[in-house]
Amino acid sequence: MNPNDVVITGIGIVSSLGLGADAHWNALTQPEPKPVVDTERFNPFTVHPLPEIDWSLQIPKRGDQRQMETWQRLGTYTAGLALEDAGIKDNEELCTSMDMIVAAGGGERDVEVDQGILDASLTRSDHGVLLNEKLTTELRPTLFLAQLSNLLAGNISIVHKVTGSSRTFMGEEGAGIAAIETAAARIRSGQSSHVLVGGAFQTEHPDMLLAYELAGFLQRDGWSPVWEREGRNGGGVITGSGAAFLVLESREHAEKRGAKPYAAISRIISDRSRRSSGALREKLEQMVLELAGSDPMLAISGASGAHVSTRTEKDVFDAKPNLAARGFGSLTGHLKEAQFPFAVALAALAVRNGQVYPPFAGAEPAFAEKPAAVLATAVGYNCFEGMGLITEA
């Protein structure tokens, strides 16, 4: 054992399945876990909605809540769950010396203003004048500030007093992979002793769905497991609102404060392979070989359902009978920036509890081994892929 081993000491997760690590463990270890979906609000698209949340439990000041968009409240709330779970939340010394790495997208647009501009453009030809009018009457400076990706990290700093170094990554699933990878690397090198890392995604907003649909990624005909979406109407992705934050520490730092780790992050590999060639399959096969070998292993997959990336990942798993995949996106929806942190969190829960998850949905193989090591994956619906090996601490 190395004093700079990376251990997970706090988990905060939120999805349509519930709030916190215990709620998710209970939901996902049921004999037949069931998804929570909303097929009406964004018809013909399906989403996995947020559960009822009392924001004041982690964001006590109403003023702080009001100035945040939902995705910022969601991330700040979930970060609080992770800090609380790690026993750090009320320790000012640990919070002020804690580094933070956040995976974030842009903010939520004002849909009414956007619609007003589009409607007016249909009856006017002076579009330049129209935009200038709207800029001075409809678009206030605070609206632009709300789009800044690093505001999530800023709000976490304000609410939870996490005031060490701060980094924000953008880039969908790749941002979540890079955030965990960077946090682990900093701890191994001795640059950080404890890090808050994670991301949040709020899909229940028309502009969040628009980005997927413009490229034809969204599934249009109701819910189905991620592994069974090819051949259905649409591109295979069903999105969900959710967040995942982890507290990572060096083994030495955790032991000094008497924290009991969930698991350790042994290694993370990432890449950006072209989806239009066979490069993705080759890279995933290489990752699996390096991290999983030939031992029986549970794989917590962040498969999105997007046809090319999900089919390729499934083909790789099917060729490795020692691996039993669990596609949690069937039950939570695609969580974009939070996808890989969520996969790592679920893997850590399985290692800590010494128990496997039953098949989530679809034709997932049974697995009876005690999960001393679990593979966590996120193969981006459009680009970027990564895997991590989560082991006993």
Protein backbone atom coordinates (compact mmCIF):
# COMPACT_ATOMS: atom_id res chain seq x y z
CA MET A 1 0.00 0.00 0.00
CA ASN A 2 1.13 3.51 -0.87
CA PRO A 3 0.30 6.60 1.23
CA ASN A 4 -0.74 8.34 -2.01
CA ASP A 5 -3.19 5.64 -3.09
CA VAL A 6 -6.46 7.24 -4.19
CA VAL A 7 -9.41 6.25 -2.02
CA ILE A 8 -13.08 7.23 -2.22
CA THR A 9 -14.38 8.42 1.15
CA GLY A 10 -17.58 10.25 0.20
CA ILE A 11 -20.33 9.64 -2.33
CA GLY A 12 -23.16 11.97 -3.29
CA ILE A 13 -25.49 10.84 -6.08
CA VAL A 14 -28.90 12.00 -7.27
CA SER A 15 -31.04 10.62 -10.08
CA SER A 16 -34.64 9.72 -10.82
CA LEU A 17 -34.07 6.72 -8.52
CA GLY A 18 -33.60 8.84 -5.41
CA LEU A 19 -31.26 10.93 -3.28
CA GLY A 20 -27.96 9.65 -1.90
CA ALA A 21 -25.87 6.49 -1.94
CA ASP A 22 -28.15 4.41 0.28
CA ALA A 23 -31.27 5.18 -1.77
CA HIS A 24 -29.51 4.13 -4.95
CA TRP A 25 -28.04 0.98 -3.44
CA ASN A 26 -31.49 -0.07 -2.24
CA ALA A 27 -33.12 0.75 -5.58
CA LEU A 28 -30.50 -0.98 -7.70
CA THR A 29 -30.23 -4.15 -5.64
CA GLN A 30 -33.92 -4.96 -5.96
CA PRO A 31 -34.47 -8.23 -7.89
CA GLU A 32 -35.88 -6.27 -10.85
CA PRO A 33 -34.96 -2.57 -10.66
CA LYS A 34 -37.51 -0.32 -12.34
CA PRO A 35 -36.89 2.99 -14.15
CA VAL A 36 -38.74 6.21 -13.41
CA VAL A 37 -39.66 7.94 -16.67
CA ASP A 38 -41.67 10.86 -17.97
CA THR A 39 -43.02 10.33 -21.49
CA GLU A 40 -45.43 13.29 -21.63
CA ARG A 41 -43.65 16.60 -21.04
CA PHE A 42 -41.23 16.35 -23.97
CA ASN A 43 -43.18 13.97 -26.18
CA PRO A 44 -42.03 12.20 -28.38
CA PHE A 45 -38.93 12.10 -26.18
CA THR A 46 -38.66 10.32 -22.84
CA VAL A 47 -36.69 11.63 -19.84
CA HIS A 48 -35.81 10.33 -16.40
CA PRO A 49 -36.89 13.24 -14.14
CA LEU A 50 -35.47 14.49 -10.88
CA PRO A 51 -37.16 13.27 -7.69
CA GLU A 52 -38.64 15.72 -5.20
CA ILE A 53 -35.75 17.59 -3.56
CA ASP A 54 -35.73 19.86 -0.53
CA TRP A 55 -32.86 22.10 -1.64
CA SER A 56 -32.63 23.75 1.78
CA LEU A 57 -31.14 20.56 3.27
CA GLN A 58 -27.85 21.32 1.50
CA ILE A 59 -28.35 24.96 0.40
CA PRO A 60 -29.80 26.67 3.50
CA LYS A 61 -29.99 30.27 2.21
CA ARG A 62 -32.97 31.06 0.00
CA GLY A 63 -30.95 33.78 -1.70
CA ASP A 64 -28.33 31.25 -2.78
CA GLN A 65 -31.04 28.98 -4.15
CA ARG A 66 -32.74 31.77 -6.09
CA GLN A 67 -29.64 32.89 -7.97
CA MET A 68 -28.85 29.35 -9.18
CA GLU A 69 -30.35 27.55 -12.13
CA THR A 70 -31.59 24.01 -11.50
CA TRP A 71 -28.39 22.34 -12.72
CA GLN A 72 -26.34 24.50 -10.33
CA ARG A 73 -28.67 23.76 -7.40
CA LEU A 74 -28.50 20.07 -8.30
CA GLY A 75 -24.70 20.04 -8.40
CA THR A 76 -24.35 22.09 -5.21
CA TYR A 77 -26.87 19.88 -3.41
CA THR A 78 -25.13 16.67 -4.51
CA ALA A 79 -21.69 18.02 -3.62
CA GLY A 80 -23.07 18.65 -0.14
CA LEU A 81 -24.21 15.02 0.06
CA ALA A 82 -20.68 13.84 -0.78
CA LEU A 83 -19.05 16.16 1.76
CA GLU A 84 -21.55 15.08 4.41
CA ASP A 85 -20.99 11.40 3.59
CA ALA A 86 -17.23 11.85 3.95
CA GLY A 87 -17.59 13.63 7.31
CA ILE A 88 -15.99 16.80 5.92
CA LYS A 89 -18.93 19.14 5.43
CA ASP A 90 -18.76 20.88 8.81
CA ASN A 91 -14.96 20.80 9.09
CA GLU A 92 -13.84 24.27 8.06
CA GLU A 93 -10.14 23.39 8.01
CA LEU A 94 -10.66 20.45 5.64
CA CYS A 95 -13.06 22.37 3.38
CA THR A 96 -10.84 25.42 2.97
CA SER A 97 -7.85 23.24 2.01
CA MET A 98 -9.88 21.01 -0.32
CA ASP A 99 -9.34 21.13 -4.07
CA MET A 100 -12.29 20.87 -6.45
CA ILE A 101 -12.69 19.63 -10.03
CA VAL A 102 -16.08 19.97 -11.70
CA ALA A 103 -17.40 18.61 -15.00
CA ALA A 104 -19.98 21.07 -16.31
CA GLY A 105 -21.88 22.14 -19.39
CA GLY A 106 -23.27 25.56 -20.16
CA GLY A 107 -26.23 27.02 -18.33
CA GLU A 108 -29.92 26.80 -19.14
CA ARG A 109 -31.10 29.26 -21.77
CA ASP A 110 -34.13 31.52 -21.32
CA VAL A 111 -36.50 29.64 -23.62
CA GLU A 112 -39.13 32.40 -23.61
CA VAL A 113 -36.63 34.98 -24.83
CA ASP A 114 -35.32 32.61 -27.50
CA GLN A 115 -38.86 31.91 -28.69
CA GLY A 116 -39.70 35.61 -28.75
CA ILE A 117 -36.69 36.36 -30.96
CA LEU A 118 -37.56 33.53 -33.35
CA ASP A 119 -41.21 34.59 -33.55
CA ALA A 120 -40.29 38.21 -34.24
CA SER A 121 -37.79 37.18 -36.93
CA LEU A 122 -40.63 35.62 -38.94
CA THR A 123 -42.34 39.00 -39.42
CA ARG A 124 -39.32 41.29 -39.75
CA SER A 125 -36.48 41.47 -42.25
CA ASP A 126 -34.19 43.79 -40.23
CA HIS A 127 -32.72 40.99 -38.13
CA GLY A 128 -29.71 43.02 -37.05
CA VAL A 129 -31.90 45.76 -35.62
CA LEU A 130 -34.16 43.15 -34.03
CA LEU A 131 -31.26 41.49 -32.23
CA ASN A 132 -29.99 44.83 -30.95
CA GLU A 133 -33.45 45.62 -29.61
CA LYS A 134 -33.64 42.28 -27.81
CA LEU A 135 -30.13 42.70 -26.43
CA THR A 136 -31.12 45.96 -24.76
CA THR A 137 -34.61 44.96 -23.60
CA GLU A 138 -34.67 41.20 -22.98
CA LEU A 139 -31.14 39.93 -22.33
CA ARG A 140 -29.86 41.12 -18.99
CA PRO A 141 -26.18 40.72 -17.93
CA THR A 142 -27.08 38.26 -15.17
CA LEU A 143 -28.59 35.96 -17.79
CA PHE A 144 -25.20 35.68 -19.48
CA LEU A 145 -23.48 35.12 -16.15
CA ALA A 146 -25.82 32.20 -15.49
CA GLN A 147 -24.42 30.46 -18.59
CA LEU A 148 -20.86 30.33 -17.25
CA SER A 149 -19.80 26.72 -16.74
CA ASN A 150 -17.57 27.52 -13.76
CA LEU A 151 -20.49 28.97 -11.76
CA LEU A 152 -21.27 25.48 -10.43
CA ALA A 153 -17.84 25.34 -8.82
CA GLY A 154 -18.33 28.92 -7.62
CA ASN A 155 -21.62 28.11 -5.95
CA ILE A 156 -20.16 25.02 -4.28
CA SER A 157 -17.37 27.22 -2.92
CA ILE A 158 -19.85 29.79 -1.61
CA VAL A 159 -22.29 27.34 -0.04
CA HIS A 160 -19.94 24.62 1.24
CA LYS A 161 -16.78 26.73 1.76
CA VAL A 162 -14.64 24.47 -0.45
CA THR A 163 -11.97 27.06 -1.27
CA GLY A 164 -8.82 25.25 -2.37
CA SER A 165 -7.86 25.22 -6.04
CA SER A 166 -10.75 24.92 -8.52
CA ARG A 167 -10.94 23.57 -12.06
CA THR A 168 -13.89 23.16 -14.42
CA PHE A 169 -13.84 20.85 -17.43
CA MET A 170 -16.28 20.98 -20.33
CA GLY A 171 -16.86 18.26 -22.92
CA GLU A 172 -19.84 16.06 -22.03
CA GLU A 173 -18.83 12.53 -20.87
CA GLY A 174 -15.21 13.41 -21.55
CA ALA A 175 -15.35 16.19 -18.96
CA GLY A 176 -16.47 13.73 -16.27
CA ILE A 177 -13.75 11.24 -17.21
CA ALA A 178 -11.06 13.93 -17.29
CA ALA A 179 -12.22 15.35 -13.94
CA ILE A 180 -11.86 12.01 -12.13
CA GLU A 181 -8.63 11.19 -13.97
CA THR A 182 -7.08 14.55 -13.08
CA ALA A 183 -8.19 14.42 -9.45
CA ALA A 184 -6.70 10.93 -9.05
CA ALA A 185 -3.45 12.00 -10.74
CA ARG A 186 -3.09 15.01 -8.44
CA ILE A 187 -3.51 12.84 -5.36
CA ARG A 188 -1.04 10.19 -6.59
CA SER A 189 1.55 12.88 -7.31
CA GLY A 190 1.13 14.48 -3.88
CA GLN A 191 -0.26 17.74 -5.35
CA SER A 192 -3.59 17.25 -3.57
CA SER A 193 -4.50 15.45 -0.36
CA HIS A 194 -8.29 15.58 -0.78
CA VAL A 195 -10.46 16.57 -3.73
CA LEU A 196 -14.17 17.08 -4.38
CA VAL A 197 -14.91 15.95 -7.93
CA GLY A 198 -18.06 15.40 -9.98
CA GLY A 199 -20.69 16.85 -12.25
CA ALA A 200 -24.41 17.49 -12.72
CA PHE A 201 -26.86 17.47 -15.62
CA GLN A 202 -30.42 18.78 -15.72
CA THR A 203 -32.18 17.47 -18.83
CA GLU A 204 -35.69 18.75 -18.12
CA HIS A 205 -35.25 21.83 -20.26
CA PRO A 206 -35.94 22.06 -24.01
CA ASP A 207 -32.51 23.44 -24.96
CA MET A 208 -30.76 20.54 -23.20
CA LEU A 209 -32.64 18.06 -25.39
CA LEU A 210 -32.11 20.17 -28.52
CA ALA A 211 -28.36 19.55 -28.66
CA TYR A 212 -28.90 15.79 -28.76
CA GLU A 213 -31.77 15.92 -31.25
CA LEU A 214 -30.04 18.21 -33.76
CA ALA A 215 -27.63 15.33 -34.41
CA GLY A 216 -30.39 12.70 -34.29
CA PHE A 217 -29.31 11.03 -31.04
CA LEU A 218 -32.60 10.96 -29.08
CA GLN A 219 -34.87 7.92 -29.00
CA ARG A 220 -38.44 8.74 -30.02
CA ASP A 221 -40.61 5.75 -29.13
CA GLY A 222 -40.58 5.35 -25.37
CA TRP A 223 -38.27 3.59 -22.96
CA SER A 224 -36.20 0.47 -23.55
CA PRO A 225 -32.92 -0.87 -22.04
CA VAL A 226 -29.74 0.77 -23.38
CA TRP A 227 -28.60 -2.50 -24.96
CA GLU A 228 -31.82 -2.91 -26.96
CA ARG A 229 -32.31 0.46 -28.64
CA GLU A 230 -30.78 -0.18 -32.04
CA GLY A 231 -33.55 -0.58 -34.59
CA ARG A 232 -35.95 1.57 -32.57
CA ASN A 233 -37.16 4.97 -33.77
CA GLY A 234 -34.44 7.57 -33.22
CA GLY A 235 -30.83 7.57 -32.16
CA GLY A 236 -31.01 5.56 -28.94
CA VAL A 237 -30.30 8.12 -26.20
CA ILE A 238 -32.78 8.71 -23.37
CA THR A 239 -31.54 11.43 -21.06
CA GLY A 240 -31.91 11.83 -17.31
CA SER A 241 -31.43 14.53 -14.70
CA GLY A 242 -28.86 13.68 -12.07
CA ALA A 243 -25.52 14.36 -10.47
CA ALA A 244 -22.59 12.54 -8.91
CA PHE A 245 -19.87 13.95 -6.66
CA LEU A 246 -17.08 12.04 -4.94
CA VAL A 247 -14.64 12.90 -2.19
CA LEU A 248 -11.25 11.46 -3.13
CA GLU A 249 -8.38 11.39 -0.67
CA SER A 250 -4.89 10.02 -0.39
CA ARG A 251 -4.78 6.90 1.75
CA GLU A 252 -2.56 8.72 4.26
CA HIS A 253 -4.95 11.69 4.54
CA ALA A 254 -7.98 9.43 5.03
CA GLU A 255 -6.24 7.30 7.65
CA LYS A 256 -5.07 10.33 9.63
CA ARG A 257 -8.63 11.55 10.05
CA GLY A 258 -10.05 8.06 10.63
CA ALA A 259 -12.17 7.94 7.47
CA LYS A 260 -13.30 4.55 6.18
CA PRO A 261 -13.00 4.40 2.38
CA TYR A 262 -15.59 2.87 0.10
CA ALA A 263 -12.97 1.71 -2.37
CA ALA A 264 -9.80 2.74 -4.16
CA ILE A 265 -9.30 4.04 -7.70
CA SER A 266 -6.60 1.79 -9.07
CA ARG A 267 -6.26 3.15 -12.59
CA ILE A 268 -8.11 5.19 -15.22
CA ILE A 269 -7.60 5.08 -18.99
CA SER A 270 -9.15 7.50 -21.49
CA ASP A 271 -8.99 8.21 -25.21
CA ARG A 272 -10.81 9.85 -28.12
CA SER A 273 -11.34 7.33 -30.91
CA ARG A 274 -13.14 8.02 -34.16
CA ARG A 275 -16.63 6.56 -34.18
CA SER A 276 -16.65 6.12 -37.96
CA SER A 277 -13.90 3.49 -38.05
CA GLY A 278 -12.96 0.38 -36.11
CA ALA A 279 -10.72 2.43 -33.84
CA LEU A 280 -13.27 2.58 -31.01
CA ARG A 281 -13.60 -1.18 -30.70
CA GLU A 282 -9.84 -1.61 -30.80
CA LYS A 283 -9.37 0.97 -28.05
CA LEU A 284 -12.10 -0.49 -25.82
CA GLU A 285 -10.64 -3.97 -26.22
CA GLN A 286 -7.25 -2.61 -25.20
CA MET A 287 -8.72 -0.83 -22.16
CA VAL A 288 -10.56 -3.97 -21.02
CA LEU A 289 -7.43 -6.07 -21.46
CA GLU A 290 -5.31 -3.65 -19.42
CA LEU A 291 -7.79 -3.14 -16.60
CA ALA A 292 -9.82 -6.36 -16.36
CA GLY A 293 -7.63 -9.11 -17.77
CA SER A 294 -9.24 -12.54 -17.67
CA ASP A 295 -10.60 -12.54 -14.11
CA PRO A 296 -14.40 -12.58 -13.58
CA MET A 297 -15.46 -8.98 -13.10
CA LEU A 298 -18.54 -6.80 -12.83
CA ALA A 299 -18.59 -3.83 -15.23
CA ILE A 300 -20.68 -0.77 -14.37
CA SER A 301 -21.32 0.67 -17.81
CA GLY A 302 -22.31 4.23 -18.57
CA ALA A 303 -23.53 3.19 -22.03
CA SER A 304 -25.77 5.94 -23.42
CA GLY A 305 -27.83 3.86 -25.86
CA ALA A 306 -26.43 5.79 -28.87
CA HIS A 307 -26.27 3.14 -31.56
CA VAL A 308 -22.63 3.10 -32.66
CA SER A 309 -20.93 3.58 -29.29
CA THR A 310 -23.29 1.28 -27.37
CA ARG A 311 -23.19 -1.50 -29.95
CA THR A 312 -19.38 -1.36 -29.96
CA GLU A 313 -19.17 -1.49 -26.17
CA LYS A 314 -21.64 -4.39 -26.05
CA ASP A 315 -19.67 -6.31 -28.69
CA VAL A 316 -16.51 -5.92 -26.60
CA PHE A 317 -18.29 -7.14 -23.46
CA ASP A 318 -19.90 -10.05 -25.29
CA ALA A 319 -16.46 -11.18 -26.47
CA LYS A 320 -15.24 -11.26 -22.85
CA PRO A 321 -17.33 -13.88 -21.00
CA ASN A 322 -15.50 -13.04 -17.77
CA LEU A 323 -17.23 -9.62 -17.74
CA ALA A 324 -20.82 -9.03 -16.62
CA ALA A 325 -22.02 -5.57 -17.65
CA ARG A 326 -24.67 -3.49 -15.89
CA GLY A 327 -25.88 -0.54 -17.98
CA PHE A 328 -27.17 1.88 -15.34
CA GLY A 329 -28.31 4.34 -18.03
CA SER A 330 -31.33 2.06 -18.56
CA LEU A 331 -32.53 3.19 -15.12
CA THR A 332 -31.13 6.71 -14.70
CA GLY A 333 -30.99 7.96 -18.28
CA HIS A 334 -27.92 9.51 -19.82
CA LEU A 335 -26.37 11.96 -17.36
CA LYS A 336 -23.84 13.55 -19.70
CA GLU A 337 -21.06 15.19 -17.60
CA ALA A 338 -22.05 13.16 -14.54
CA GLN A 339 -21.99 9.81 -16.36
CA PHE A 340 -18.49 8.62 -15.43
CA PRO A 341 -18.53 9.94 -11.84
CA PHE A 342 -21.86 8.11 -11.43
CA ALA A 343 -20.35 4.88 -12.79
CA VAL A 344 -17.41 5.16 -10.38
CA ALA A 345 -19.81 5.79 -7.47
CA LEU A 346 -21.90 2.69 -8.25
CA ALA A 347 -18.74 0.61 -8.66
CA ALA A 348 -17.46 1.81 -5.27
CA LEU A 349 -20.77 0.90 -3.60
CA ALA A 350 -20.55 -2.65 -4.97
CA VAL A 351 -16.96 -3.02 -3.73
CA ARG A 352 -17.74 -1.57 -0.29
CA ASN A 353 -20.83 -3.78 0.18
CA GLY A 354 -19.20 -6.88 -1.28
CA GLN A 355 -22.32 -7.55 -3.33
CA VAL A 356 -23.13 -7.48 -7.03
CA TYR A 357 -26.02 -5.69 -8.68
CA PRO A 358 -28.65 -7.88 -10.32
CA PRO A 359 -29.23 -7.35 -14.06
CA PHE A 360 -30.58 -3.82 -14.44
CA ALA A 361 -32.55 -4.34 -17.64
CA GLY A 362 -32.34 -6.32 -20.83
CA ALA A 363 -30.22 -9.40 -21.41
CA GLU A 364 -27.49 -8.72 -18.86
CA PRO A 365 -25.63 -11.82 -17.63
CA ALA A 366 -25.83 -13.10 -14.07
CA PHE A 367 -22.75 -12.69 -11.88
CA ALA A 368 -22.14 -14.46 -8.58
CA GLU A 369 -18.56 -13.50 -7.64
CA LYS A 370 -17.76 -11.16 -4.74
CA PRO A 371 -16.80 -7.87 -6.41
CA ALA A 372 -13.32 -7.17 -5.07
CA ALA A 373 -12.68 -5.12 -8.23
CA VAL A 374 -15.22 -3.48 -10.53
CA LEU A 375 -14.78 -1.88 -13.93
CA ALA A 376 -16.45 1.53 -14.48
CA THR A 377 -16.95 2.73 -18.05
CA ALA A 378 -18.25 5.72 -19.99
CA VAL A 379 -18.20 5.53 -23.77
CA GLY A 380 -19.34 8.91 -25.04
CA TYR A 381 -22.46 9.01 -27.18
CA ASN A 382 -20.55 11.22 -29.62
CA CYS A 383 -16.88 11.16 -28.60
CA PHE A 384 -14.45 10.36 -25.76
CA GLU A 385 -14.27 7.07 -23.86
CA GLY A 386 -12.81 6.04 -20.53
CA MET A 387 -12.61 3.18 -18.06
CA GLY A 388 -11.55 2.96 -14.44
CA LEU A 389 -10.68 0.04 -12.18
CA ILE A 390 -12.26 0.40 -8.74
CA THR A 391 -10.80 -1.96 -6.12
CA GLU A 392 -11.01 -2.73 -2.42
CA ALA A 393 -9.30 -0.08 -0.37
